[in-house]
Amino acid sequence: LGYVRFRMIYDKTGTPVDYKVLDSNYAAEKIIGCL
């Protein structure tokens, strides 16, 4: 099973603009297609 843990990145207004991958397993990387 694919597993990914993200951390959201917000701008100054509190709007989510991006995210950062904190953790993932091999299945998730295979599904998404990259490290």
PDB file of all heavy atoms in Angstrom:
ATOM      1  N   LEU A   1       0.841  -1.197   0.000  1.00  0.00           N
ATOM      2  CA  LEU A   1       0.000   0.000   0.000  1.00  0.00           C
ATOM      3  C   LEU A   1       0.876   1.246   0.000  1.00  0.00           C
ATOM      4  O   LEU A   1       1.857   1.328   0.733  1.00  0.00           O
ATOM      5  CB  LEU A   1      -0.909   0.011   1.238  1.00  0.00           C
ATOM      6  CG  LEU A   1      -1.888  -1.162   1.356  1.00  0.00           C
ATOM      7  CD1 LEU A   1      -2.660  -1.055   2.669  1.00  0.00           C
ATOM      8  CD2 LEU A   1      -2.849  -1.188   0.177  1.00  0.00           C
ATOM      9  N   GLY A   2       0.513   2.203  -0.825  1.00  0.00           N
ATOM     10  CA  GLY A   2       1.262   3.451  -0.873  1.00  0.00           C
ATOM     11  C   GLY A   2       0.991   4.311   0.342  1.00  0.00           C
ATOM     12  O   GLY A   2      -0.142   4.437   0.810  1.00  0.00           O
ATOM     13  N   TYR A   3       2.045   4.895   0.882  1.00  0.00           N
ATOM     14  CA  TYR A   3       1.917   5.756   2.061  1.00  0.00           C
ATOM     15  C   TYR A   3       2.796   6.987   1.863  1.00  0.00           C
ATOM     16  O   TYR A   3       3.985   6.869   1.545  1.00  0.00           O
ATOM     17  CB  TYR A   3       2.338   5.010   3.322  1.00  0.00           C
ATOM     18  CG  TYR A   3       2.518   5.910   4.522  1.00  0.00           C
ATOM     19  CD1 TYR A   3       1.424   6.308   5.288  1.00  0.00           C
ATOM     20  CD2 TYR A   3       3.784   6.364   4.881  1.00  0.00           C
ATOM     21  CE1 TYR A   3       1.583   7.138   6.385  1.00  0.00           C
ATOM     22  CE2 TYR A   3       3.947   7.204   5.984  1.00  0.00           C
ATOM     23  CZ  TYR A   3       2.851   7.593   6.726  1.00  0.00           C
ATOM     24  OH  TYR A   3       3.005   8.415   7.801  1.00  0.00           O
ATOM     25  N   VAL A   4       2.199   8.163   2.021  1.00  0.00           N
ATOM     26  CA  VAL A   4       2.947   9.421   1.930  1.00  0.00           C
ATOM     27  C   VAL A   4       2.488  10.335   3.060  1.00  0.00           C
ATOM     28  O   VAL A   4       1.278  10.469   3.313  1.00  0.00           O
ATOM     29  CB  VAL A   4       2.728  10.141   0.583  1.00  0.00           C
ATOM     30  CG1 VAL A   4       3.580  11.404   0.524  1.00  0.00           C
ATOM     31  CG2 VAL A   4       3.042   9.235  -0.587  1.00  0.00           C
ATOM     32  N   ARG A   5       3.419  10.957   3.716  1.00  0.00           N
ATOM     33  CA  ARG A   5       3.085  11.940   4.765  1.00  0.00           C
ATOM     34  C   ARG A   5       3.599  13.307   4.306  1.00  0.00           C
ATOM     35  O   ARG A   5       4.780  13.451   3.975  1.00  0.00           O
ATOM     36  CB  ARG A   5       3.701  11.543   6.108  1.00  0.00           C
ATOM     37  CG  ARG A   5       3.339  12.482   7.250  1.00  0.00           C
ATOM     38  CD  ARG A   5       3.593  11.798   8.598  1.00  0.00           C
ATOM     39  NE  ARG A   5       4.990  11.487   8.789  1.00  0.00           N
ATOM     40  CZ  ARG A   5       5.848  12.268   9.458  1.00  0.00           C
ATOM     41  NH1 ARG A   5       5.427  13.426   9.983  1.00  0.00           N
ATOM     42  NH2 ARG A   5       7.094  11.906   9.615  1.00  0.00           N
ATOM     43  N   PHE A   6       2.694  14.278   4.271  1.00  0.00           N
ATOM     44  CA  PHE A   6       3.011  15.610   3.779  1.00  0.00           C
ATOM     45  C   PHE A   6       3.001  16.633   4.910  1.00  0.00           C
ATOM     46  O   PHE A   6       2.340  16.434   5.933  1.00  0.00           O
ATOM     47  CB  PHE A   6       1.993  16.070   2.730  1.00  0.00           C
ATOM     48  CG  PHE A   6       1.905  15.208   1.511  1.00  0.00           C
ATOM     49  CD1 PHE A   6       0.897  14.260   1.387  1.00  0.00           C
ATOM     50  CD2 PHE A   6       2.817  15.350   0.476  1.00  0.00           C
ATOM     51  CE1 PHE A   6       0.801  13.467   0.259  1.00  0.00           C
ATOM     52  CE2 PHE A   6       2.731  14.566  -0.653  1.00  0.00           C
ATOM     53  CZ  PHE A   6       1.731  13.626  -0.769  1.00  0.00           C
ATOM     54  N   ARG A   7       3.663  17.735   4.645  1.00  0.00           N
ATOM     55  CA  ARG A   7       3.484  18.940   5.471  1.00  0.00           C
ATOM     56  C   ARG A   7       3.091  20.075   4.533  1.00  0.00           C
ATOM     57  O   ARG A   7       3.797  20.373   3.556  1.00  0.00           O
ATOM     58  CB  ARG A   7       4.773  19.318   6.204  1.00  0.00           C
ATOM     59  CG  ARG A   7       4.562  20.500   7.167  1.00  0.00           C
ATOM     60  CD  ARG A   7       5.847  20.894   7.854  1.00  0.00           C
ATOM     61  NE  ARG A   7       6.764  21.527   6.884  1.00  0.00           N
ATOM     62  CZ  ARG A   7       8.019  21.889   7.177  1.00  0.00           C
ATOM     63  NH1 ARG A   7       8.508  21.624   8.370  1.00  0.00           N
ATOM     64  NH2 ARG A   7       8.764  22.468   6.258  1.00  0.00           N
ATOM     65  N   MET A   8       1.988  20.704   4.812  1.00  0.00           N
ATOM     66  CA  MET A   8       1.509  21.784   3.963  1.00  0.00           C
ATOM     67  C   MET A   8       2.350  23.043   4.166  1.00  0.00           C
ATOM     68  O   MET A   8       2.810  23.335   5.284  1.00  0.00           O
ATOM     69  CB  MET A   8       0.042  22.095   4.261  1.00  0.00           C
ATOM     70  CG  MET A   8      -0.914  20.945   3.982  1.00  0.00           C
ATOM     71  SD  MET A   8      -0.821  20.337   2.272  1.00  0.00           S
ATOM     72  CE  MET A   8      -1.278  21.834   1.367  1.00  0.00           C
ATOM     73  N   ILE A   9       2.518  23.797   3.076  1.00  0.00           N
ATOM     74  CA  ILE A   9       3.249  25.060   3.109  1.00  0.00           C
ATOM     75  C   ILE A   9       2.251  26.179   2.793  1.00  0.00           C
ATOM     76  O   ILE A   9       1.528  26.116   1.788  1.00  0.00           O
ATOM     77  CB  ILE A   9       4.403  25.061   2.080  1.00  0.00           C
ATOM     78  CG1 ILE A   9       5.395  23.942   2.418  1.00  0.00           C
ATOM     79  CG2 ILE A   9       5.100  26.424   2.049  1.00  0.00           C
ATOM     80  CD1 ILE A   9       6.487  23.771   1.391  1.00  0.00           C
ATOM     81  N   TYR A  10       2.208  27.208   3.647  1.00  0.00           N
ATOM     82  CA  TYR A  10       1.235  28.287   3.522  1.00  0.00           C
ATOM     83  C   TYR A  10       1.939  29.610   3.216  1.00  0.00           C
ATOM     84  O   TYR A  10       3.091  29.824   3.632  1.00  0.00           O
ATOM     85  CB  TYR A  10       0.434  28.435   4.818  1.00  0.00           C
ATOM     86  CG  TYR A  10      -0.323  27.188   5.212  1.00  0.00           C
ATOM     87  CD1 TYR A  10       0.271  26.212   6.008  1.00  0.00           C
ATOM     88  CD2 TYR A  10      -1.638  27.001   4.801  1.00  0.00           C
ATOM     89  CE1 TYR A  10      -0.421  25.061   6.366  1.00  0.00           C
ATOM     90  CE2 TYR A  10      -2.344  25.857   5.160  1.00  0.00           C
ATOM     91  CZ  TYR A  10      -1.729  24.893   5.938  1.00  0.00           C
ATOM     92  OH  TYR A  10      -2.411  23.766   6.280  1.00  0.00           O
ATOM     93  N   ASP A  11       1.203  30.474   2.510  1.00  0.00           N
ATOM     94  CA  ASP A  11       1.753  31.819   2.299  1.00  0.00           C
ATOM     95  C   ASP A  11       1.393  32.698   3.489  1.00  0.00           C
ATOM     96  O   ASP A  11       0.820  32.221   4.486  1.00  0.00           O
ATOM     97  CB  ASP A  11       1.252  32.411   0.974  1.00  0.00           C
ATOM     98  CG  ASP A  11      -0.266  32.596   0.951  1.00  0.00           C
ATOM     99  OD1 ASP A  11      -0.887  32.548   2.032  1.00  0.00           O
ATOM    100  OD2 ASP A  11      -0.824  32.797  -0.146  1.00  0.00           O
ATOM    101  N   LYS A  12       1.670  34.003   3.371  1.00  0.00           N
ATOM    102  CA  LYS A  12       1.453  34.909   4.490  1.00  0.00           C
ATOM    103  C   LYS A  12      -0.011  35.075   4.842  1.00  0.00           C
ATOM    104  O   LYS A  12      -0.354  35.478   5.965  1.00  0.00           O
ATOM    105  CB  LYS A  12       2.063  36.274   4.167  1.00  0.00           C
ATOM    106  CG  LYS A  12       3.582  36.248   4.076  1.00  0.00           C
ATOM    107  CD  LYS A  12       4.142  37.623   3.780  1.00  0.00           C
ATOM    108  CE  LYS A  12       5.664  37.591   3.702  1.00  0.00           C
ATOM    109  NZ  LYS A  12       6.232  38.944   3.413  1.00  0.00           N
ATOM    110  N   THR A  13      -0.874  34.777   3.905  1.00  0.00           N
ATOM    111  CA  THR A  13      -2.318  34.902   4.175  1.00  0.00           C
ATOM    112  C   THR A  13      -2.924  33.624   4.741  1.00  0.00           C
ATOM    113  O   THR A  13      -4.122  33.579   5.025  1.00  0.00           O
ATOM    114  CB  THR A  13      -3.068  35.272   2.878  1.00  0.00           C
ATOM    115  OG1 THR A  13      -2.965  34.185   1.939  1.00  0.00           O
ATOM    116  CG2 THR A  13      -2.487  36.543   2.268  1.00  0.00           C
ATOM    117  N   GLY A  14      -2.103  32.609   4.857  1.00  0.00           N
ATOM    118  CA  GLY A  14      -2.612  31.343   5.379  1.00  0.00           C
ATOM    119  C   GLY A  14      -3.165  30.425   4.325  1.00  0.00           C
ATOM    120  O   GLY A  14      -3.770  29.387   4.655  1.00  0.00           O
ATOM    121  N   THR A  15      -2.957  30.787   3.065  1.00  0.00           N
ATOM    122  CA  THR A  15      -3.442  29.949   1.978  1.00  0.00           C
ATOM    123  C   THR A  15      -2.407  28.884   1.632  1.00  0.00           C
ATOM    124  O   THR A  15      -1.223  29.208   1.462  1.00  0.00           O
ATOM    125  CB  THR A  15      -3.710  30.793   0.723  1.00  0.00           C
ATOM    126  OG1 THR A  15      -4.661  31.820   1.045  1.00  0.00           O
ATOM    127  CG2 THR A  15      -4.241  29.939  -0.417  1.00  0.00           C
ATOM    128  N   PRO A  16      -2.816  27.598   1.539  1.00  0.00           N
ATOM    129  CA  PRO A  16      -1.848  26.554   1.173  1.00  0.00           C
ATOM    130  C   PRO A  16      -1.368  26.749  -0.263  1.00  0.00           C
ATOM    131  O   PRO A  16      -2.184  26.905  -1.184  1.00  0.00           O
ATOM    132  CB  PRO A  16      -2.630  25.262   1.344  1.00  0.00           C
ATOM    133  CG  PRO A  16      -4.066  25.650   1.257  1.00  0.00           C
ATOM    134  CD  PRO A  16      -4.158  27.038   1.803  1.00  0.00           C
ATOM    135  N   VAL A  17      -0.050  26.788  -0.442  1.00  0.00           N
ATOM    136  CA  VAL A  17       0.525  27.012  -1.766  1.00  0.00           C
ATOM    137  C   VAL A  17       1.392  25.852  -2.234  1.00  0.00           C
ATOM    138  O   VAL A  17       1.716  25.761  -3.418  1.00  0.00           O
ATOM    139  CB  VAL A  17       1.351  28.316  -1.793  1.00  0.00           C
ATOM    140  CG1 VAL A  17       0.451  29.516  -1.559  1.00  0.00           C
ATOM    141  CG2 VAL A  17       2.477  28.269  -0.763  1.00  0.00           C
ATOM    142  N   ASP A  18       1.788  24.985  -1.337  1.00  0.00           N
ATOM    143  CA  ASP A  18       2.648  23.857  -1.720  1.00  0.00           C
ATOM    144  C   ASP A  18       2.658  22.864  -0.565  1.00  0.00           C
ATOM    145  O   ASP A  18       1.998  23.068   0.461  1.00  0.00           O
ATOM    146  CB  ASP A  18       4.070  24.347  -2.029  1.00  0.00           C
ATOM    147  CG  ASP A  18       4.793  23.439  -3.021  1.00  0.00           C
ATOM    148  OD1 ASP A  18       4.359  22.280  -3.176  1.00  0.00           O
ATOM    149  OD2 ASP A  18       5.781  23.882  -3.627  1.00  0.00           O
ATOM    150  N   TYR A  19       3.406  21.832  -0.737  1.00  0.00           N
ATOM    151  CA  TYR A  19       3.570  20.860   0.346  1.00  0.00           C
ATOM    152  C   TYR A  19       4.967  20.262   0.277  1.00  0.00           C
ATOM    153  O   TYR A  19       5.647  20.358  -0.747  1.00  0.00           O
ATOM    154  CB  TYR A  19       2.511  19.751   0.265  1.00  0.00           C
ATOM    155  CG  TYR A  19       2.537  18.949  -1.026  1.00  0.00           C
ATOM    156  CD1 TYR A  19       3.412  17.869  -1.178  1.00  0.00           C
ATOM    157  CD2 TYR A  19       1.676  19.264  -2.078  1.00  0.00           C
ATOM    158  CE1 TYR A  19       3.425  17.138  -2.345  1.00  0.00           C
ATOM    159  CE2 TYR A  19       1.699  18.530  -3.251  1.00  0.00           C
ATOM    160  CZ  TYR A  19       2.573  17.466  -3.387  1.00  0.00           C
ATOM    161  OH  TYR A  19       2.600  16.735  -4.539  1.00  0.00           O
ATOM    162  N   LYS A  20       5.357  19.666   1.384  1.00  0.00           N
ATOM    163  CA  LYS A  20       6.667  19.015   1.473  1.00  0.00           C
ATOM    164  C   LYS A  20       6.460  17.573   1.903  1.00  0.00           C
ATOM    165  O   LYS A  20       5.705  17.303   2.847  1.00  0.00           O
ATOM    166  CB  LYS A  20       7.566  19.731   2.475  1.00  0.00           C
ATOM    167  CG  LYS A  20       8.952  19.115   2.596  1.00  0.00           C
ATOM    168  CD  LYS A  20       9.812  19.899   3.586  1.00  0.00           C
ATOM    169  CE  LYS A  20      11.211  19.277   3.677  1.00  0.00           C
ATOM    170  NZ  LYS A  20      12.068  20.024   4.636  1.00  0.00           N
ATOM    171  N   VAL A  21       7.119  16.659   1.201  1.00  0.00           N
ATOM    172  CA  VAL A  21       7.017  15.241   1.549  1.00  0.00           C
ATOM    173  C   VAL A  21       7.924  14.962   2.739  1.00  0.00           C
ATOM    174  O   VAL A  21       9.123  15.206   2.690  1.00  0.00           O
ATOM    175  CB  VAL A  21       7.412  14.347   0.359  1.00  0.00           C
ATOM    176  CG1 VAL A  21       7.390  12.876   0.781  1.00  0.00           C
ATOM    177  CG2 VAL A  21       6.471  14.575  -0.812  1.00  0.00           C
ATOM    178  N   LEU A  22       7.327  14.496   3.803  1.00  0.00           N
ATOM    179  CA  LEU A  22       8.092  14.155   5.001  1.00  0.00           C
ATOM    180  C   LEU A  22       8.488  12.688   5.034  1.00  0.00           C
ATOM    181  O   LEU A  22       9.522  12.328   5.578  1.00  0.00           O
ATOM    182  CB  LEU A  22       7.281  14.495   6.260  1.00  0.00           C
ATOM    183  CG  LEU A  22       6.883  15.956   6.425  1.00  0.00           C
ATOM    184  CD1 LEU A  22       6.053  16.113   7.696  1.00  0.00           C
ATOM    185  CD2 LEU A  22       8.109  16.860   6.469  1.00  0.00           C
ATOM    186  N   ASP A  23       7.637  11.838   4.463  1.00  0.00           N
ATOM    187  CA  ASP A  23       7.905  10.405   4.528  1.00  0.00           C
ATOM    188  C   ASP A  23       7.081   9.710   3.451  1.00  0.00           C
ATOM    189  O   ASP A  23       5.989  10.159   3.101  1.00  0.00           O
ATOM    190  CB  ASP A  23       7.517   9.859   5.909  1.00  0.00           C
ATOM    191  CG  ASP A  23       8.153   8.509   6.188  1.00  0.00           C
ATOM    192  OD1 ASP A  23       8.999   8.081   5.370  1.00  0.00           O
ATOM    193  OD2 ASP A  23       7.809   7.899   7.204  1.00  0.00           O
ATOM    194  N   SER A  24       7.633   8.623   2.920  1.00  0.00           N
ATOM    195  CA  SER A  24       6.890   7.834   1.940  1.00  0.00           C
ATOM    196  C   SER A  24       7.506   6.451   1.864  1.00  0.00           C
ATOM    197  O   SER A  24       8.641   6.247   2.300  1.00  0.00           O
ATOM    198  CB  SER A  24       6.938   8.497   0.555  1.00  0.00           C
ATOM    199  OG  SER A  24       8.264   8.494   0.035  1.00  0.00           O
ATOM    200  N   ASN A  25       6.756   5.512   1.322  1.00  0.00           N
ATOM    201  CA  ASN A  25       7.306   4.174   1.161  1.00  0.00           C
ATOM    202  C   ASN A  25       7.506   3.862  -0.324  1.00  0.00           C
ATOM    203  O   ASN A  25       7.159   4.649  -1.212  1.00  0.00           O
ATOM    204  CB  ASN A  25       6.453   3.117   1.859  1.00  0.00           C
ATOM    205  CG  ASN A  25       5.087   2.956   1.211  1.00  0.00           C
ATOM    206  OD1 ASN A  25       4.730   3.704   0.303  1.00  0.00           O
ATOM    207  ND2 ASN A  25       4.320   1.978   1.677  1.00  0.00           N
ATOM    208  N   TYR A  26       8.051   2.687  -0.583  1.00  0.00           N
ATOM    209  CA  TYR A  26       8.405   2.289  -1.945  1.00  0.00           C
ATOM    210  C   TYR A  26       7.184   2.233  -2.858  1.00  0.00           C
ATOM    211  O   TYR A  26       7.231   2.665  -4.016  1.00  0.00           O
ATOM    212  CB  TYR A  26       9.101   0.936  -1.912  1.00  0.00           C
ATOM    213  CG  TYR A  26       9.424   0.369  -3.279  1.00  0.00           C
ATOM    214  CD1 TYR A  26      10.483   0.854  -4.028  1.00  0.00           C
ATOM    215  CD2 TYR A  26       8.640  -0.648  -3.832  1.00  0.00           C
ATOM    216  CE1 TYR A  26      10.775   0.344  -5.282  1.00  0.00           C
ATOM    217  CE2 TYR A  26       8.915  -1.167  -5.078  1.00  0.00           C
ATOM    218  CZ  TYR A  26       9.991  -0.673  -5.802  1.00  0.00           C
ATOM    219  OH  TYR A  26      10.264  -1.169  -7.041  1.00  0.00           O
ATOM    220  N   ALA A  27       6.064   1.724  -2.337  1.00  0.00           N
ATOM    221  CA  ALA A  27       4.856   1.594  -3.156  1.00  0.00           C
ATOM    222  C   ALA A  27       4.352   2.954  -3.615  1.00  0.00           C
ATOM    223  O   ALA A  27       3.934   3.132  -4.759  1.00  0.00           O
ATOM    224  CB  ALA A  27       3.767   0.855  -2.377  1.00  0.00           C
ATOM    225  N   ALA A  28       4.407   3.964  -2.718  1.00  0.00           N
ATOM    226  CA  ALA A  28       3.958   5.304  -3.091  1.00  0.00           C
ATOM    227  C   ALA A  28       4.837   5.894  -4.178  1.00  0.00           C
ATOM    228  O   ALA A  28       4.345   6.513  -5.128  1.00  0.00           O
ATOM    229  CB  ALA A  28       3.948   6.203  -1.865  1.00  0.00           C
ATOM    230  N   GLU A  29       6.128   5.711  -4.047  1.00  0.00           N
ATOM    231  CA  GLU A  29       7.054   6.238  -5.051  1.00  0.00           C
ATOM    232  C   GLU A  29       6.847   5.554  -6.397  1.00  0.00           C
ATOM    233  O   GLU A  29       6.943   6.180  -7.458  1.00  0.00           O
ATOM    234  CB  GLU A  29       8.486   6.064  -4.559  1.00  0.00           C
ATOM    235  CG  GLU A  29       8.807   6.945  -3.354  1.00  0.00           C
ATOM    236  CD  GLU A  29      10.153   6.623  -2.729  1.00  0.00           C
ATOM    237  OE1 GLU A  29      10.784   5.628  -3.177  1.00  0.00           O
ATOM    238  OE2 GLU A  29      10.570   7.348  -1.820  1.00  0.00           O
ATOM    239  N   LYS A  30       6.529   4.257  -6.364  1.00  0.00           N
ATOM    240  CA  LYS A  30       6.284   3.529  -7.606  1.00  0.00           C
ATOM    241  C   LYS A  30       4.995   3.999  -8.264  1.00  0.00           C
ATOM    242  O   LYS A  30       4.915   4.155  -9.494  1.00  0.00           O
ATOM    243  CB  LYS A  30       6.224   2.028  -7.319  1.00  0.00           C
ATOM    244  CG  LYS A  30       6.149   1.163  -8.566  1.00  0.00           C
ATOM    245  CD  LYS A  30       6.209  -0.310  -8.205  1.00  0.00           C
ATOM    246  CE  LYS A  30       6.149  -1.175  -9.467  1.00  0.00           C
ATOM    247  NZ  LYS A  30       6.204  -2.628  -9.128  1.00  0.00           N
ATOM    248  N   ILE A  31       3.947   4.249  -7.471  1.00  0.00           N
ATOM    249  CA  ILE A  31       2.668   4.708  -8.004  1.00  0.00           C
ATOM    250  C   ILE A  31       2.810   6.096  -8.623  1.00  0.00           C
ATOM    251  O   ILE A  31       2.350   6.371  -9.728  1.00  0.00           O
ATOM    252  CB  ILE A  31       1.597   4.719  -6.893  1.00  0.00           C
ATOM    253  CG1 ILE A  31       1.277   3.285  -6.460  1.00  0.00           C
ATOM    254  CG2 ILE A  31       0.332   5.436  -7.368  1.00  0.00           C
ATOM    255  CD1 ILE A  31       0.440   3.202  -5.201  1.00  0.00           C
ATOM    256  N   ILE A  32       3.479   7.004  -7.897  1.00  0.00           N
ATOM    257  CA  ILE A  32       3.629   8.375  -8.375  1.00  0.00           C
ATOM    258  C   ILE A  32       4.645   8.459  -9.513  1.00  0.00           C
ATOM    259  O   ILE A  32       4.528   9.266 -10.423  1.00  0.00           O
ATOM    260  CB  ILE A  32       4.007   9.308  -7.209  1.00  0.00           C
ATOM    261  CG1 ILE A  32       2.858   9.346  -6.197  1.00  0.00           C
ATOM    262  CG2 ILE A  32       4.343  10.711  -7.686  1.00  0.00           C
ATOM    263  CD1 ILE A  32       3.170  10.119  -4.942  1.00  0.00           C
ATOM    264  N   GLY A  33       5.662   7.608  -9.436  1.00  0.00           N
ATOM    265  CA  GLY A  33       6.617   7.536 -10.536  1.00  0.00           C
ATOM    266  C   GLY A  33       7.892   8.291 -10.326  1.00  0.00           C
ATOM    267  O   GLY A  33       8.618   8.573 -11.278  1.00  0.00           O
ATOM    268  N   CYS A  34       8.199   8.661  -9.085  1.00  0.00           N
ATOM    269  CA  CYS A  34       9.475   9.330  -8.823  1.00  0.00           C
ATOM    270  C   CYS A  34       9.840   9.129  -7.371  1.00  0.00           C
ATOM    271  O   CYS A  34       9.019   8.728  -6.549  1.00  0.00           O
ATOM    272  CB  CYS A  34       9.385  10.826  -9.135  1.00  0.00           C
ATOM    273  SG  CYS A  34       8.371  11.745  -7.954  1.00  0.00           S
ATOM    274  N   LEU A  35      11.097   9.435  -7.070  1.00  0.00           N
ATOM    275  CA  LEU A  35      11.524   9.438  -5.684  1.00  0.00           C
ATOM    276  C   LEU A  35      11.044  10.740  -5.072  1.00  0.00           C
ATOM    277  O   LEU A  35      11.523  11.823  -5.436  1.00  0.00           O
ATOM    278  CB  LEU A  35      13.052   9.326  -5.587  1.00  0.00           C
ATOM    279  CG  LEU A  35      13.657   8.005  -6.069  1.00  0.00           C
ATOM    280  CD1 LEU A  35      15.183   8.080  -6.010  1.00  0.00           C
ATOM    281  CD2 LEU A  35      13.157   6.846  -5.244  1.00  0.00           C
TER     282      LEU A  35
END
